[in-house]
C-alpha atoms as a PDB file:
ATOM      1  CA  UNK A   1     -22.792 -10.582   2.615  1.00  0.00           C
ATOM      2  CA  UNK A   2     -20.523 -11.257  -0.312  1.00  0.00           C
ATOM      3  CA  UNK A   3     -18.824  -7.857  -1.000  1.00  0.00           C
ATOM      4  CA  UNK A   4     -17.667  -8.922  -4.377  1.00  0.00           C
ATOM      5  CA  UNK A   5     -20.910 -10.225  -6.065  1.00  0.00           C
ATOM      6  CA  UNK A   6     -21.109  -7.055  -8.089  1.00  0.00           C
ATOM      7  CA  UNK A   7     -17.553  -7.328  -9.550  1.00  0.00           C
ATOM      8  CA  UNK A   8     -17.446  -6.723 -13.238  1.00  0.00           C
ATOM      9  CA  UNK A   9     -15.558  -8.552 -15.915  1.00  0.00           C
ATOM     10  CA  UNK A  10     -13.815  -6.136 -18.233  1.00  0.00           C
ATOM     11  CA  UNK A  11     -11.170  -6.378 -20.925  1.00  0.00           C
ATOM     12  CA  UNK A  12     -10.511 -10.029 -20.089  1.00  0.00           C
ATOM     13  CA  UNK A  13      -9.710  -9.376 -16.469  1.00  0.00           C
ATOM     14  CA  UNK A  14     -11.990 -10.193 -13.568  1.00  0.00           C
ATOM     15  CA  UNK A  15     -11.658  -6.937 -11.629  1.00  0.00           C
ATOM     16  CA  UNK A  16     -10.117  -3.501 -11.728  1.00  0.00           C
ATOM     17  CA  UNK A  17      -8.397  -1.583  -8.928  1.00  0.00           C
ATOM     18  CA  UNK A  18      -7.738   2.114  -9.055  1.00  0.00           C
ATOM     19  CA  UNK A  19      -5.647   4.269  -6.709  1.00  0.00           C
ATOM     20  CA  UNK A  20      -5.318   7.949  -5.976  1.00  0.00           C
ATOM     21  CA  UNK A  21      -1.866   8.927  -4.915  1.00  0.00           C
ATOM     22  CA  UNK A  22       1.497  10.616  -5.640  1.00  0.00           C
ATOM     23  CA  UNK A  23       4.458   9.022  -7.507  1.00  0.00           C
ATOM     24  CA  UNK A  24       7.818   9.965  -6.159  1.00  0.00           C
ATOM     25  CA  UNK A  25      11.365   9.861  -7.575  1.00  0.00           C
ATOM     26  CA  UNK A  26      13.493   7.700  -5.258  1.00  0.00           C
ATOM     27  CA  UNK A  27      17.134   8.300  -4.888  1.00  0.00           C
ATOM     28  CA  UNK A  28      18.846   5.691  -2.764  1.00  0.00           C
ATOM     29  CA  UNK A  29      22.378   4.969  -1.577  1.00  0.00           C
ATOM     30  CA  UNK A  30      24.090   1.641  -2.145  1.00  0.00           C
ATOM     31  CA  UNK A  31      24.031  -0.699   0.890  1.00  0.00           C
ATOM     32  CA  UNK A  32      26.834   0.078   3.342  1.00  0.00           C
ATOM     33  CA  UNK A  33      27.040   3.786   2.368  1.00  0.00           C
ATOM     34  CA  UNK A  34      25.565   6.861   4.000  1.00  0.00           C
ATOM     35  CA  UNK A  35      24.335   9.887   2.089  1.00  0.00           C
ATOM     36  CA  UNK A  36      27.248  11.861   3.388  1.00  0.00           C
ATOM     37  CA  UNK A  37      29.753   9.602   1.715  1.00  0.00           C
ATOM     38  CA  UNK A  38      27.877   8.532  -1.328  1.00  0.00           C
ATOM     39  CA  UNK A  39      29.088   9.683  -4.815  1.00  0.00           C
ATOM     40  CA  UNK A  40      26.095   8.166  -6.573  1.00  0.00           C
ATOM     41  CA  UNK A  41      22.495   7.475  -5.950  1.00  0.00           C
ATOM     42  CA  UNK A  42      20.189   4.898  -7.607  1.00  0.00           C
ATOM     43  CA  UNK A  43      17.035   6.038  -9.342  1.00  0.00           C
ATOM     44  CA  UNK A  44      13.701   4.271  -8.759  1.00  0.00           C
ATOM     45  CA  UNK A  45      10.063   5.324  -8.638  1.00  0.00           C
ATOM     46  CA  UNK A  46       7.407   4.581  -6.175  1.00  0.00           C
ATOM     47  CA  UNK A  47       4.772   5.689  -3.695  1.00  0.00           C
ATOM     48  CA  UNK A  48       2.416   3.713  -1.480  1.00  0.00           C
ATOM     49  CA  UNK A  49      -0.507   3.529  -3.888  1.00  0.00           C
ATOM     50  CA  UNK A  50       1.751   3.069  -6.917  1.00  0.00           C
ATOM     51  CA  UNK A  51       3.424   0.138  -5.253  1.00  0.00           C
ATOM     52  CA  UNK A  52       0.142  -1.605  -4.764  1.00  0.00           C
ATOM     53  CA  UNK A  53      -0.978  -1.104  -8.268  1.00  0.00           C
ATOM     54  CA  UNK A  54       2.420  -2.234  -9.729  1.00  0.00           C
ATOM     55  CA  UNK A  55       2.162  -5.457  -7.671  1.00  0.00           C
ATOM     56  CA  UNK A  56      -1.369  -6.088  -8.771  1.00  0.00           C
ATOM     57  CA  UNK A  57      -0.395  -5.440 -12.359  1.00  0.00           C
ATOM     58  CA  UNK A  58       2.212  -8.165 -12.080  1.00  0.00           C
ATOM     59  CA  UNK A  59      -0.453 -10.465 -10.873  1.00  0.00           C
ATOM     60  CA  UNK A  60      -2.585  -9.861 -13.994  1.00  0.00           C
ATOM     61  CA  UNK A  61      -5.053  -7.518 -12.327  1.00  0.00           C
ATOM     62  CA  UNK A  62      -6.056  -4.425 -14.408  1.00  0.00           C
ATOM     63  CA  UNK A  63      -5.042  -1.359 -12.527  1.00  0.00           C
ATOM     64  CA  UNK A  64      -5.309   2.458 -12.924  1.00  0.00           C
ATOM     65  CA  UNK A  65      -3.528   5.367 -11.171  1.00  0.00           C
ATOM     66  CA  UNK A  66      -5.283   8.674 -10.686  1.00  0.00           C
ATOM     67  CA  UNK A  67      -2.566  11.359 -10.236  1.00  0.00           C
ATOM     68  CA  UNK A  68      -0.762  14.396 -11.445  1.00  0.00           C
ATOM     69  CA  UNK A  69       2.851  14.449 -12.495  1.00  0.00           C
ATOM     70  CA  UNK A  70       5.394  16.703 -14.135  1.00  0.00           C
ATOM     71  CA  UNK A  71       5.491  17.093 -17.950  1.00  0.00           C
ATOM     72  CA  UNK A  72       9.303  16.694 -18.076  1.00  0.00           C
ATOM     73  CA  UNK A  73      11.747  13.755 -18.397  1.00  0.00           C
ATOM     74  CA  UNK A  74      10.910  12.577 -14.907  1.00  0.00           C
ATOM     75  CA  UNK A  75       7.168  12.542 -15.662  1.00  0.00           C
ATOM     76  CA  UNK A  76       7.800  10.557 -18.848  1.00  0.00           C
ATOM     77  CA  UNK A  77       9.958   8.141 -16.872  1.00  0.00           C
ATOM     78  CA  UNK A  78       7.186   7.630 -14.400  1.00  0.00           C
ATOM     79  CA  UNK A  79       4.764   6.932 -17.154  1.00  0.00           C
ATOM     80  CA  UNK A  80       7.176   4.406 -18.641  1.00  0.00           C
ATOM     81  CA  UNK A  81       7.625   2.764 -15.191  1.00  0.00           C
ATOM     82  CA  UNK A  82       3.885   2.401 -14.558  1.00  0.00           C
ATOM     83  CA  UNK A  83       3.255   1.017 -18.027  1.00  0.00           C
ATOM     84  CA  UNK A  84       6.018  -1.563 -17.633  1.00  0.00           C
ATOM     85  CA  UNK A  85       4.011  -2.787 -14.607  1.00  0.00           C
ATOM     86  CA  UNK A  86       0.660  -2.918 -16.422  1.00  0.00           C
ATOM     87  CA  UNK A  87      -0.759   0.197 -14.744  1.00  0.00           C
ATOM     88  CA  UNK A  88      -3.191   2.286 -16.814  1.00  0.00           C
ATOM     89  CA  UNK A  89      -1.987   5.881 -16.969  1.00  0.00           C
ATOM     90  CA  UNK A  90      -4.933   7.382 -18.804  1.00  0.00           C
ATOM     91  CA  UNK A  91      -5.924   9.472 -15.838  1.00  0.00           C
ATOM     92  CA  UNK A  92      -2.657  10.859 -14.918  1.00  0.00           C
ATOM     93  CA  UNK A  93      -2.501  14.627 -15.705  1.00  0.00           C
ATOM     94  CA  UNK A  94       0.874  15.922 -16.771  1.00  0.00           C
ATOM     95  CA  UNK A  95       1.628  19.663 -16.239  1.00  0.00           C
ATOM     96  CA  UNK A  96       4.117  22.202 -15.017  1.00  0.00           C
ATOM     97  CA  UNK A  97       5.455  21.431 -11.597  1.00  0.00           C
ATOM     98  CA  UNK A  98       8.076  19.607  -9.642  1.00  0.00           C
ATOM     99  CA  UNK A  99       8.458  15.895  -9.111  1.00  0.00           C
ATOM    100  CA  UNK A 100       8.512  14.937  -5.442  1.00  0.00           C
ATOM    101  CA  UNK A 101      11.694  13.112  -4.232  1.00  0.00           C
ATOM    102  CA  UNK A 102      12.583  10.976  -1.372  1.00  0.00           C
ATOM    103  CA  UNK A 103      16.170  10.054  -0.418  1.00  0.00           C
ATOM    104  CA  UNK A 104      16.796   6.638   1.086  1.00  0.00           C
ATOM    105  CA  UNK A 105      19.886   5.801   3.095  1.00  0.00           C
ATOM    106  CA  UNK A 106      19.866   2.091   2.981  1.00  0.00           C
ATOM    107  CA  UNK A 107      20.481   0.532   6.431  1.00  0.00           C
ATOM    108  CA  UNK A 108      22.510  -2.563   7.199  1.00  0.00           C
ATOM    109  CA  UNK A 109      23.016  -4.684  10.369  1.00  0.00           C
ATOM    110  CA  UNK A 110      22.324  -2.500  13.434  1.00  0.00           C
ATOM    111  CA  UNK A 111      21.957   0.709  11.341  1.00  0.00           C
ATOM    112  CA  UNK A 112      18.392   1.489  10.352  1.00  0.00           C
ATOM    113  CA  UNK A 113      17.454   2.804   6.927  1.00  0.00           C
ATOM    114  CA  UNK A 114      16.552   6.530   6.937  1.00  0.00           C
ATOM    115  CA  UNK A 115      14.282   8.550   4.698  1.00  0.00           C
ATOM    116  CA  UNK A 116      14.652  12.281   3.779  1.00  0.00           C
ATOM    117  CA  UNK A 117      11.566  13.787   2.029  1.00  0.00           C
ATOM    118  CA  UNK A 118      11.715  16.548  -0.575  1.00  0.00           C
ATOM    119  CA  UNK A 119       8.029  16.618  -1.561  1.00  0.00           C
ATOM    120  CA  UNK A 120       6.795  19.975  -0.369  1.00  0.00           C
ATOM    121  CA  UNK A 121       4.895  21.913  -3.093  1.00  0.00           C
ATOM    122  CA  UNK A 122       5.064  19.049  -5.503  1.00  0.00           C
ATOM    123  CA  UNK A 123       2.872  19.019  -8.510  1.00  0.00           C
ATOM    124  CA  UNK A 124       0.600  16.358  -6.995  1.00  0.00           C
ATOM    125  CA  UNK A 125       0.062  18.615  -3.871  1.00  0.00           C
ATOM    126  CA  UNK A 126      -1.803  21.064  -6.212  1.00  0.00           C
ATOM    127  CA  UNK A 127      -4.149  18.568  -7.768  1.00  0.00           C
ATOM    128  CA  UNK A 128      -7.783  19.504  -7.958  1.00  0.00           C
ATOM    129  CA  UNK A 129     -11.144  18.317  -9.526  1.00  0.00           C
ATOM    130  CA  UNK A 130     -10.378  20.002 -12.776  1.00  0.00           C
ATOM    131  CA  UNK A 131      -7.350  17.806 -13.320  1.00  0.00           C
ATOM    132  CA  UNK A 132      -9.417  14.596 -13.478  1.00  0.00           C
ATOM    133  CA  UNK A 133     -12.793  13.391 -14.468  1.00  0.00           C
ATOM    134  CA  UNK A 134     -13.871  11.343 -11.444  1.00  0.00           C
ATOM    135  CA  UNK A 135     -16.719   9.626 -13.170  1.00  0.00           C
ATOM    136  CA  UNK A 136     -14.550   8.481 -16.070  1.00  0.00           C
ATOM    137  CA  UNK A 137     -11.572   7.591 -13.907  1.00  0.00           C
ATOM    138  CA  UNK A 138     -13.688   5.276 -11.799  1.00  0.00           C
ATOM    139  CA  UNK A 139     -15.683   3.719 -14.658  1.00  0.00           C
ATOM    140  CA  UNK A 140     -15.497  -0.020 -14.401  1.00  0.00           C
ATOM    141  CA  UNK A 141     -13.466   0.136 -11.125  1.00  0.00           C
ATOM    142  CA  UNK A 142     -14.299  -2.273  -8.360  1.00  0.00           C
ATOM    143  CA  UNK A 143     -11.873  -1.221  -5.637  1.00  0.00           C
ATOM    144  CA  UNK A 144     -10.314   2.202  -4.958  1.00  0.00           C
ATOM    145  CA  UNK A 145      -7.068   2.137  -2.904  1.00  0.00           C
ATOM    146  CA  UNK A 146      -6.084   5.222  -0.808  1.00  0.00           C
ATOM    147  CA  UNK A 147      -3.551   5.830   1.959  1.00  0.00           C
ATOM    148  CA  UNK A 148      -3.054   8.229   4.856  1.00  0.00           C
ATOM    149  CA  UNK A 149       0.059   9.596   2.979  1.00  0.00           C
ATOM    150  CA  UNK A 150      -2.217  11.046   0.284  1.00  0.00           C
ATOM    151  CA  UNK A 151      -4.435  12.593   2.859  1.00  0.00           C
ATOM    152  CA  UNK A 152      -1.377  14.170   4.612  1.00  0.00           C
ATOM    153  CA  UNK A 153       0.142  15.765   1.534  1.00  0.00           C
ATOM    154  CA  UNK A 154      -2.089  18.895   1.254  1.00  0.00           C
ATOM    155  CA  UNK A 155      -5.528  20.350   1.702  1.00  0.00           C
ATOM    156  CA  UNK A 156      -6.091  20.040  -2.014  1.00  0.00           C
ATOM    157  CA  UNK A 157      -5.331  16.252  -2.074  1.00  0.00           C
ATOM    158  CA  UNK A 158      -7.598  15.782   0.871  1.00  0.00           C
ATOM    159  CA  UNK A 159     -10.536  17.717  -0.680  1.00  0.00           C
ATOM    160  CA  UNK A 160     -10.297  15.680  -4.004  1.00  0.00           C
ATOM    161  CA  UNK A 161      -9.934  12.446  -1.928  1.00  0.00           C
ATOM    162  CA  UNK A 162     -13.238  13.121  -0.145  1.00  0.00           C
ATOM    163  CA  UNK A 163     -15.013  13.808  -3.481  1.00  0.00           C
ATOM    164  CA  UNK A 164     -13.601  10.463  -4.833  1.00  0.00           C
ATOM    165  CA  UNK A 165     -14.715   8.570  -1.604  1.00  0.00           C
ATOM    166  CA  UNK A 166     -18.197  10.048  -1.861  1.00  0.00           C
ATOM    167  CA  UNK A 167     -18.429   8.828  -5.451  1.00  0.00           C
ATOM    168  CA  UNK A 168     -17.264   5.405  -4.392  1.00  0.00           C
ATOM    169  CA  UNK A 169     -19.859   5.167  -1.675  1.00  0.00           C
ATOM    170  CA  UNK A 170     -22.584   6.316  -4.031  1.00  0.00           C
ATOM    171  CA  UNK A 171     -21.631   3.792  -6.685  1.00  0.00           C
ATOM    172  CA  UNK A 172     -20.824   0.707  -4.635  1.00  0.00           C
ATOM    173  CA  UNK A 173     -17.103   0.830  -5.310  1.00  0.00           C
ATOM    174  CA  UNK A 174     -15.180  -0.833  -2.441  1.00  0.00           C
ATOM    175  CA  UNK A 175     -12.559   1.332  -0.673  1.00  0.00           C
ATOM    176  CA  UNK A 176      -9.233   0.065   0.583  1.00  0.00           C
ATOM    177  CA  UNK A 177      -7.459   2.287   3.112  1.00  0.00           C
ATOM    178  CA  UNK A 178      -4.037   2.017   4.628  1.00  0.00           C
ATOM    179  CA  UNK A 179      -3.409   4.349   7.530  1.00  0.00           C
ATOM    180  CA  UNK A 180       0.327   4.513   6.627  1.00  0.00           C
ATOM    181  CA  UNK A 181       1.055   7.061   9.283  1.00  0.00           C
ATOM    182  CA  UNK A 182       4.110   9.245   8.647  1.00  0.00           C
ATOM    183  CA  UNK A 183       5.141  11.407  11.552  1.00  0.00           C
ATOM    184  CA  UNK A 184       7.172  13.785   9.309  1.00  0.00           C
ATOM    185  CA  UNK A 185       4.163  14.615   7.264  1.00  0.00           C
ATOM    186  CA  UNK A 186       1.388  15.269   9.927  1.00  0.00           C
ATOM    187  CA  UNK A 187       0.626  14.978  13.657  1.00  0.00           C
ATOM    188  CA  UNK A 188      -1.135  12.142  15.326  1.00  0.00           C
ATOM    189  CA  UNK A 189      -3.980  14.412  16.273  1.00  0.00           C
ATOM    190  CA  UNK A 190      -4.526  15.405  12.611  1.00  0.00           C
ATOM    191  CA  UNK A 191      -4.123  11.901  11.412  1.00  0.00           C
ATOM    192  CA  UNK A 192      -6.626  10.690  14.040  1.00  0.00           C
ATOM    193  CA  UNK A 193      -9.279  13.332  13.026  1.00  0.00           C
ATOM    194  CA  UNK A 194      -8.992  12.543   9.277  1.00  0.00           C
ATOM    195  CA  UNK A 195      -8.958   8.775   9.730  1.00  0.00           C
ATOM    196  CA  UNK A 196     -12.104   8.823  11.822  1.00  0.00           C
ATOM    197  CA  UNK A 197     -13.726  10.898   9.006  1.00  0.00           C
ATOM    198  CA  UNK A 198     -12.566   8.437   6.277  1.00  0.00           C
ATOM    199  CA  UNK A 199     -13.427   5.100   8.055  1.00  0.00           C
ATOM    200  CA  UNK A 200     -17.203   5.294   7.318  1.00  0.00           C
ATOM    201  CA  UNK A 201     -16.298   4.947   3.585  1.00  0.00           C
ATOM    202  CA  UNK A 202     -13.895   2.129   4.041  1.00  0.00           C
ATOM    203  CA  UNK A 203     -14.400  -1.641   3.434  1.00  0.00           C
ATOM    204  CA  UNK A 204     -10.820  -2.985   3.548  1.00  0.00           C
ATOM    205  CA  UNK A 205      -8.627  -1.472   6.133  1.00  0.00           C
ATOM    206  CA  UNK A 206      -4.935  -1.769   6.906  1.00  0.00           C
ATOM    207  CA  UNK A 207      -4.254  -1.039  10.617  1.00  0.00           C
ATOM    208  CA  UNK A 208      -2.067  -2.494  13.322  1.00  0.00           C
ATOM    209  CA  UNK A 209      -2.122  -2.260  17.137  1.00  0.00           C
ATOM    210  CA  UNK A 210      -0.301   1.171  17.108  1.00  0.00           C
ATOM    211  CA  UNK A 211      -2.887   2.475  14.647  1.00  0.00           C
ATOM    212  CA  UNK A 212      -5.689   1.242  16.858  1.00  0.00           C
ATOM    213  CA  UNK A 213      -4.135   2.847  19.962  1.00  0.00           C
ATOM    214  CA  UNK A 214      -2.519   6.065  18.703  1.00  0.00           C
ATOM    215  CA  UNK A 215      -4.872   6.948  15.773  1.00  0.00           C
ATOM    216  CA  UNK A 216      -8.281   5.548  16.874  1.00  0.00           C
ATOM    217  CA  UNK A 217      -7.665   5.804  20.635  1.00  0.00           C
ATOM    218  CA  UNK A 218      -8.565   2.275  21.466  1.00  0.00           C
ATOM    219  CA  UNK A 219      -7.177   0.417  24.382  1.00  0.00           C
ATOM    220  CA  UNK A 220      -7.359  -2.989  26.086  1.00  0.00           C
ATOM    221  CA  UNK A 221      -5.421  -4.913  28.726  1.00  0.00           C
ATOM    222  CA  UNK A 222      -4.655  -7.980  26.804  1.00  0.00           C
ATOM    223  CA  UNK A 223      -1.018  -9.053  26.962  1.00  0.00           C
ATOM    224  CA  UNK A 224      -1.060 -11.535  24.017  1.00  0.00           C
ATOM    225  CA  UNK A 225      -0.489  -9.590  20.804  1.00  0.00           C
ATOM    226  CA  UNK A 226      -2.878 -11.654  18.783  1.00  0.00           C
ATOM    227  CA  UNK A 227      -5.729 -11.378  21.416  1.00  0.00           C
ATOM    228  CA  UNK A 228      -5.108  -7.651  21.699  1.00  0.00           C
ATOM    229  CA  UNK A 229      -5.377  -7.229  17.997  1.00  0.00           C
ATOM    230  CA  UNK A 230      -8.466  -9.363  17.732  1.00  0.00           C
ATOM    231  CA  UNK A 231     -10.213  -7.178  20.346  1.00  0.00           C
ATOM    232  CA  UNK A 232      -9.279  -4.068  18.482  1.00  0.00           C
ATOM    233  CA  UNK A 233     -10.511  -5.454  15.287  1.00  0.00           C
ATOM    234  CA  UNK A 234     -13.810  -6.468  16.899  1.00  0.00           C
ATOM    235  CA  UNK A 235     -14.237  -3.085  18.268  1.00  0.00           C
ATOM    236  CA  UNK A 236     -13.377  -1.296  14.941  1.00  0.00           C
ATOM    237  CA  UNK A 237     -15.916  -3.337  13.088  1.00  0.00           C
ATOM    238  CA  UNK A 238     -18.523  -2.520  15.741  1.00  0.00           C
ATOM    239  CA  UNK A 239     -18.022   1.156  15.332  1.00  0.00           C
ATOM    240  CA  UNK A 240     -17.740   0.905  11.538  1.00  0.00           C
ATOM    241  CA  UNK A 241     -19.838  -1.999  10.357  1.00  0.00           C
ATOM    242  CA  UNK A 242     -18.931  -1.094   6.742  1.00  0.00           C
ATOM    243  CA  UNK A 243     -15.446  -2.431   7.285  1.00  0.00           C
ATOM    244  CA  UNK A 244     -15.481  -6.039   6.323  1.00  0.00           C
ATOM    245  CA  UNK A 245     -11.727  -6.837   6.174  1.00  0.00           C
ATOM    246  CA  UNK A 246      -8.930  -5.650   8.424  1.00  0.00           C
ATOM    247  CA  UNK A 247      -5.205  -6.646   8.157  1.00  0.00           C
ATOM    248  CA  UNK A 248      -1.772  -5.981   9.416  1.00  0.00           C
ATOM    249  CA  UNK A 249       1.542  -7.620  10.111  1.00  0.00           C
ATOM    250  CA  UNK A 250       3.701  -8.529  13.144  1.00  0.00           C
ATOM    251  CA  UNK A 251       7.309  -7.749  12.341  1.00  0.00           C
ATOM    252  CA  UNK A 252      10.139  -8.841  14.521  1.00  0.00           C
ATOM    253  CA  UNK A 253      13.492  -6.938  13.928  1.00  0.00           C
ATOM    254  CA  UNK A 254      16.653  -8.762  14.677  1.00  0.00           C
ATOM    255  CA  UNK A 255      18.565  -6.189  12.715  1.00  0.00           C
ATOM    256  CA  UNK A 256      18.119  -4.054   9.539  1.00  0.00           C
ATOM    257  CA  UNK A 257      19.128  -7.101   7.603  1.00  0.00           C
ATOM    258  CA  UNK A 258      17.142  -9.768   9.397  1.00  0.00           C
ATOM    259  CA  UNK A 259      13.434  -9.636  10.330  1.00  0.00           C
ATOM    260  CA  UNK A 260      10.548 -11.922  10.952  1.00  0.00           C
ATOM    261  CA  UNK A 261       7.127 -11.368   9.483  1.00  0.00           C
ATOM    262  CA  UNK A 262       3.627 -12.639  10.043  1.00  0.00           C
ATOM    263  CA  UNK A 263       0.318 -11.577   8.408  1.00  0.00           C
ATOM    264  CA  UNK A 264      -2.909 -10.991  10.401  1.00  0.00           C
ATOM    265  CA  UNK A 265      -6.116 -10.995   8.304  1.00  0.00           C
ATOM    266  CA  UNK A 266      -9.523 -10.411   9.973  1.00  0.00           C
ATOM    267  CA  UNK A 267     -12.921 -11.030   8.526  1.00  0.00           C
ATOM    268  CA  UNK A 268     -16.316 -12.205   9.855  1.00  0.00           C
ATOM    269  CA  UNK A 269     -15.110 -11.739  13.424  1.00  0.00           C
ATOM    270  CA  UNK A 270     -12.217 -14.186  12.961  1.00  0.00           C
ATOM    271  CA  UNK A 271      -8.501 -13.464  12.924  1.00  0.00           C
ATOM    272  CA  UNK A 272      -6.436 -15.582  10.577  1.00  0.00           C
ATOM    273  CA  UNK A 273      -2.607 -15.602  11.031  1.00  0.00           C
ATOM    274  CA  UNK A 274      -0.043 -16.731   8.636  1.00  0.00           C
ATOM    275  CA  UNK A 275       3.019 -18.760   9.608  1.00  0.00           C
ATOM    276  CA  UNK A 276       5.970 -16.724  10.880  1.00  0.00           C
ATOM    277  CA  UNK A 277       8.621 -16.097   8.175  1.00  0.00           C
ATOM    278  CA  UNK A 278      12.346 -15.500   8.807  1.00  0.00           C
ATOM    279  CA  UNK A 279      13.612 -12.977   6.361  1.00  0.00           C
ATOM    280  CA  UNK A 280      17.365 -12.955   6.146  1.00  0.00           C
ATOM    281  CA  UNK A 281      19.812 -10.731   4.090  1.00  0.00           C
ATOM    282  CA  UNK A 282      17.152  -8.060   3.369  1.00  0.00           C
ATOM    283  CA  UNK A 283      17.815  -6.370   0.062  1.00  0.00           C
ATOM    284  CA  UNK A 284      15.094  -3.590   0.430  1.00  0.00           C
ATOM    285  CA  UNK A 285      12.415  -3.326   3.066  1.00  0.00           C
ATOM    286  CA  UNK A 286      10.693  -0.342   1.501  1.00  0.00           C
ATOM    287  CA  UNK A 287       7.374  -1.440  -0.075  1.00  0.00           C
ATOM    288  CA  UNK A 288       6.994  -4.438   2.262  1.00  0.00           C
ATOM    289  CA  UNK A 289       3.757  -3.122   3.727  1.00  0.00           C
ATOM    290  CA  UNK A 290       2.442  -2.301   0.271  1.00  0.00           C
ATOM    291  CA  UNK A 291       3.258  -5.840  -0.876  1.00  0.00           C
ATOM    292  CA  UNK A 292       1.223  -7.053   2.034  1.00  0.00           C
ATOM    293  CA  UNK A 293      -1.773  -4.986   0.832  1.00  0.00           C
ATOM    294  CA  UNK A 294      -1.249  -6.208  -2.635  1.00  0.00           C
ATOM    295  CA  UNK A 295      -1.437  -9.758  -1.429  1.00  0.00           C
ATOM    296  CA  UNK A 296      -4.606  -9.080   0.591  1.00  0.00           C
ATOM    297  CA  UNK A 297      -6.431  -7.323  -2.285  1.00  0.00           C
ATOM    298  CA  UNK A 298      -5.455 -10.068  -4.679  1.00  0.00           C
ATOM    299  CA  UNK A 299      -6.902 -12.746  -2.355  1.00  0.00           C
ATOM    300  CA  UNK A 300     -10.123 -10.888  -1.786  1.00  0.00           C
ATOM    301  CA  UNK A 301     -10.510 -10.243  -5.503  1.00  0.00           C
ATOM    302  CA  UNK A 302      -9.866 -13.953  -6.241  1.00  0.00           C
ATOM    303  CA  UNK A 303     -12.434 -15.066  -3.723  1.00  0.00           C
ATOM    304  CA  UNK A 304      -9.790 -17.032  -1.847  1.00  0.00           C
ATOM    305  CA  UNK A 305     -10.428 -18.406   1.678  1.00  0.00           C
ATOM    306  CA  UNK A 306      -9.038 -16.237   4.659  1.00  0.00           C
ATOM    307  CA  UNK A 307      -6.200 -18.554   5.475  1.00  0.00           C
ATOM    308  CA  UNK A 308      -4.989 -18.527   1.864  1.00  0.00           C
ATOM    309  CA  UNK A 309      -5.217 -14.697   1.907  1.00  0.00           C
ATOM    310  CA  UNK A 310      -3.212 -14.407   5.051  1.00  0.00           C
ATOM    311  CA  UNK A 311      -0.520 -16.860   3.789  1.00  0.00           C
ATOM    312  CA  UNK A 312      -0.387 -15.317   0.297  1.00  0.00           C
ATOM    313  CA  UNK A 313      -0.044 -11.730   1.645  1.00  0.00           C
ATOM    314  CA  UNK A 314       2.732 -12.799   4.066  1.00  0.00           C
ATOM    315  CA  UNK A 315       4.623 -14.677   1.349  1.00  0.00           C
ATOM    316  CA  UNK A 316       4.255 -11.707  -1.087  1.00  0.00           C
ATOM    317  CA  UNK A 317       5.611  -9.256   1.493  1.00  0.00           C
ATOM    318  CA  UNK A 318       8.550 -11.558   2.316  1.00  0.00           C
ATOM    319  CA  UNK A 319       9.425 -11.749  -1.432  1.00  0.00           C
ATOM    320  CA  UNK A 320       9.394  -7.956  -1.707  1.00  0.00           C
ATOM    321  CA  UNK A 321      12.367  -7.822   0.801  1.00  0.00           C
ATOM    322  CA  UNK A 322      14.460  -9.636  -1.770  1.00  0.00           C
ATOM    323  CA  UNK A 323      13.795  -7.039  -4.531  1.00  0.00           C
ATOM    324  CA  UNK A 324      15.578  -3.673  -4.866  1.00  0.00           C
ATOM    325  CA  UNK A 325      13.128  -0.716  -5.460  1.00  0.00           C
ATOM    326  CA  UNK A 326       9.706   0.149  -4.133  1.00  0.00           C
ATOM    327  CA  UNK A 327       7.806  -2.229  -6.412  1.00  0.00           C
ATOM    328  CA  UNK A 328       7.283  -5.921  -5.870  1.00  0.00           C
ATOM    329  CA  UNK A 329       7.987  -7.489  -9.256  1.00  0.00           C
ATOM    330  CA  UNK A 330       6.896 -11.100  -8.699  1.00  0.00           C
ATOM    331  CA  UNK A 331       4.205 -13.230 -10.209  1.00  0.00           C
ATOM    332  CA  UNK A 332       1.376 -15.274  -8.425  1.00  0.00           C
ATOM    333  CA  UNK A 333       3.063 -18.593  -9.073  1.00  0.00           C
ATOM    334  CA  UNK A 334       6.301 -17.417  -7.403  1.00  0.00           C
ATOM    335  CA  UNK A 335       4.293 -16.355  -4.247  1.00  0.00           C
ATOM    336  CA  UNK A 336       2.518 -19.639  -4.177  1.00  0.00           C
ATOM    337  CA  UNK A 337       5.745 -21.503  -4.635  1.00  0.00           C
ATOM    338  CA  UNK A 338       7.158 -19.898  -1.449  1.00  0.00           C
ATOM    339  CA  UNK A 339       3.902 -20.716   0.390  1.00  0.00           C
ATOM    340  CA  UNK A 340       4.081 -24.365  -0.754  1.00  0.00           C
ATOM    341  CA  UNK A 341       7.716 -25.235  -0.943  1.00  0.00           C
ATOM    342  CA  UNK A 342       9.568 -22.588   1.092  1.00  0.00           C
ATOM    343  CA  UNK A 343      13.101 -21.560   0.116  1.00  0.00           C
ATOM    344  CA  UNK A 344      15.619 -23.903  -1.390  1.00  0.00           C
ATOM    345  CA  UNK A 345      14.214 -25.171  -4.680  1.00  0.00           C
ATOM    346  CA  UNK A 346      15.615 -23.791  -7.844  1.00  0.00           C
ATOM    347  CA  UNK A 347      12.830 -22.851 -10.297  1.00  0.00           C
ATOM    348  CA  UNK A 348      13.458 -24.851 -13.363  1.00  0.00           C
END
């Protein structure tokens, strides 16, 4: 079955992707400093769903964010940031409330990066059906992207997410879901319960070995990572036949500044793995997983073959590590250049 036969052409673009999620103010230290000895913090904006939309917007895909933000200077700055990355903000409700914040202590060498959340009682956590028109917000949309982070924020975000998921299922809108488990936001037990409730709605699923084991409760005795993952993906698609694509990455950590990365992309009972990339002198790892998702969605929407999708997603994620901030501000030709030529040629 071709999941994309019903995609619509609108506004000169082949597809449209919407996401439901929270936008955060990011305050980060400079590399080499801790929060305790920083005298300044760098401002950026991001969030898992936002990062995916910004990446797709830079690829020329028409995107839309469904959200709620403050009606102050921070809210206006968020709108400006989204528009600069070609994200439609028509269905973002601005009102009275606080902008969620996360503080990033940037790691280096053998010291890992650390995140401190200040997002409790944010304006987005209070969102409800009166804040958006679901029918209008999803008009012309082909894929809805959602993450476990949104499901963990509050009961209200979860209730609205289920309404959106039901609408998507009734109207043949594909659903992309990233488990994106955050231990500081909810327990594994709660994440497991909610994930199992969501998966019957999902068509494109981001989940690795730990998600399969800790959230879905799967287990096998395979020692080879690829074989273990393939078995998990086989089992997931048997339980949830609506899921047509599953993906994840294998990351090797030499230090906070040097990693390896490989993409795993599964469809039609086959696992396709990209080459293994060495990532040296990491500028910013935050958003690397979202960049992988961006690459996967772009490949699916563009009807690329599975190996291209795997290689493109990996290269896109690798490039994100060289860019400061949550968003991945690269173009398709830059990703394909890394796929084809590797590092070393100057773009002239």
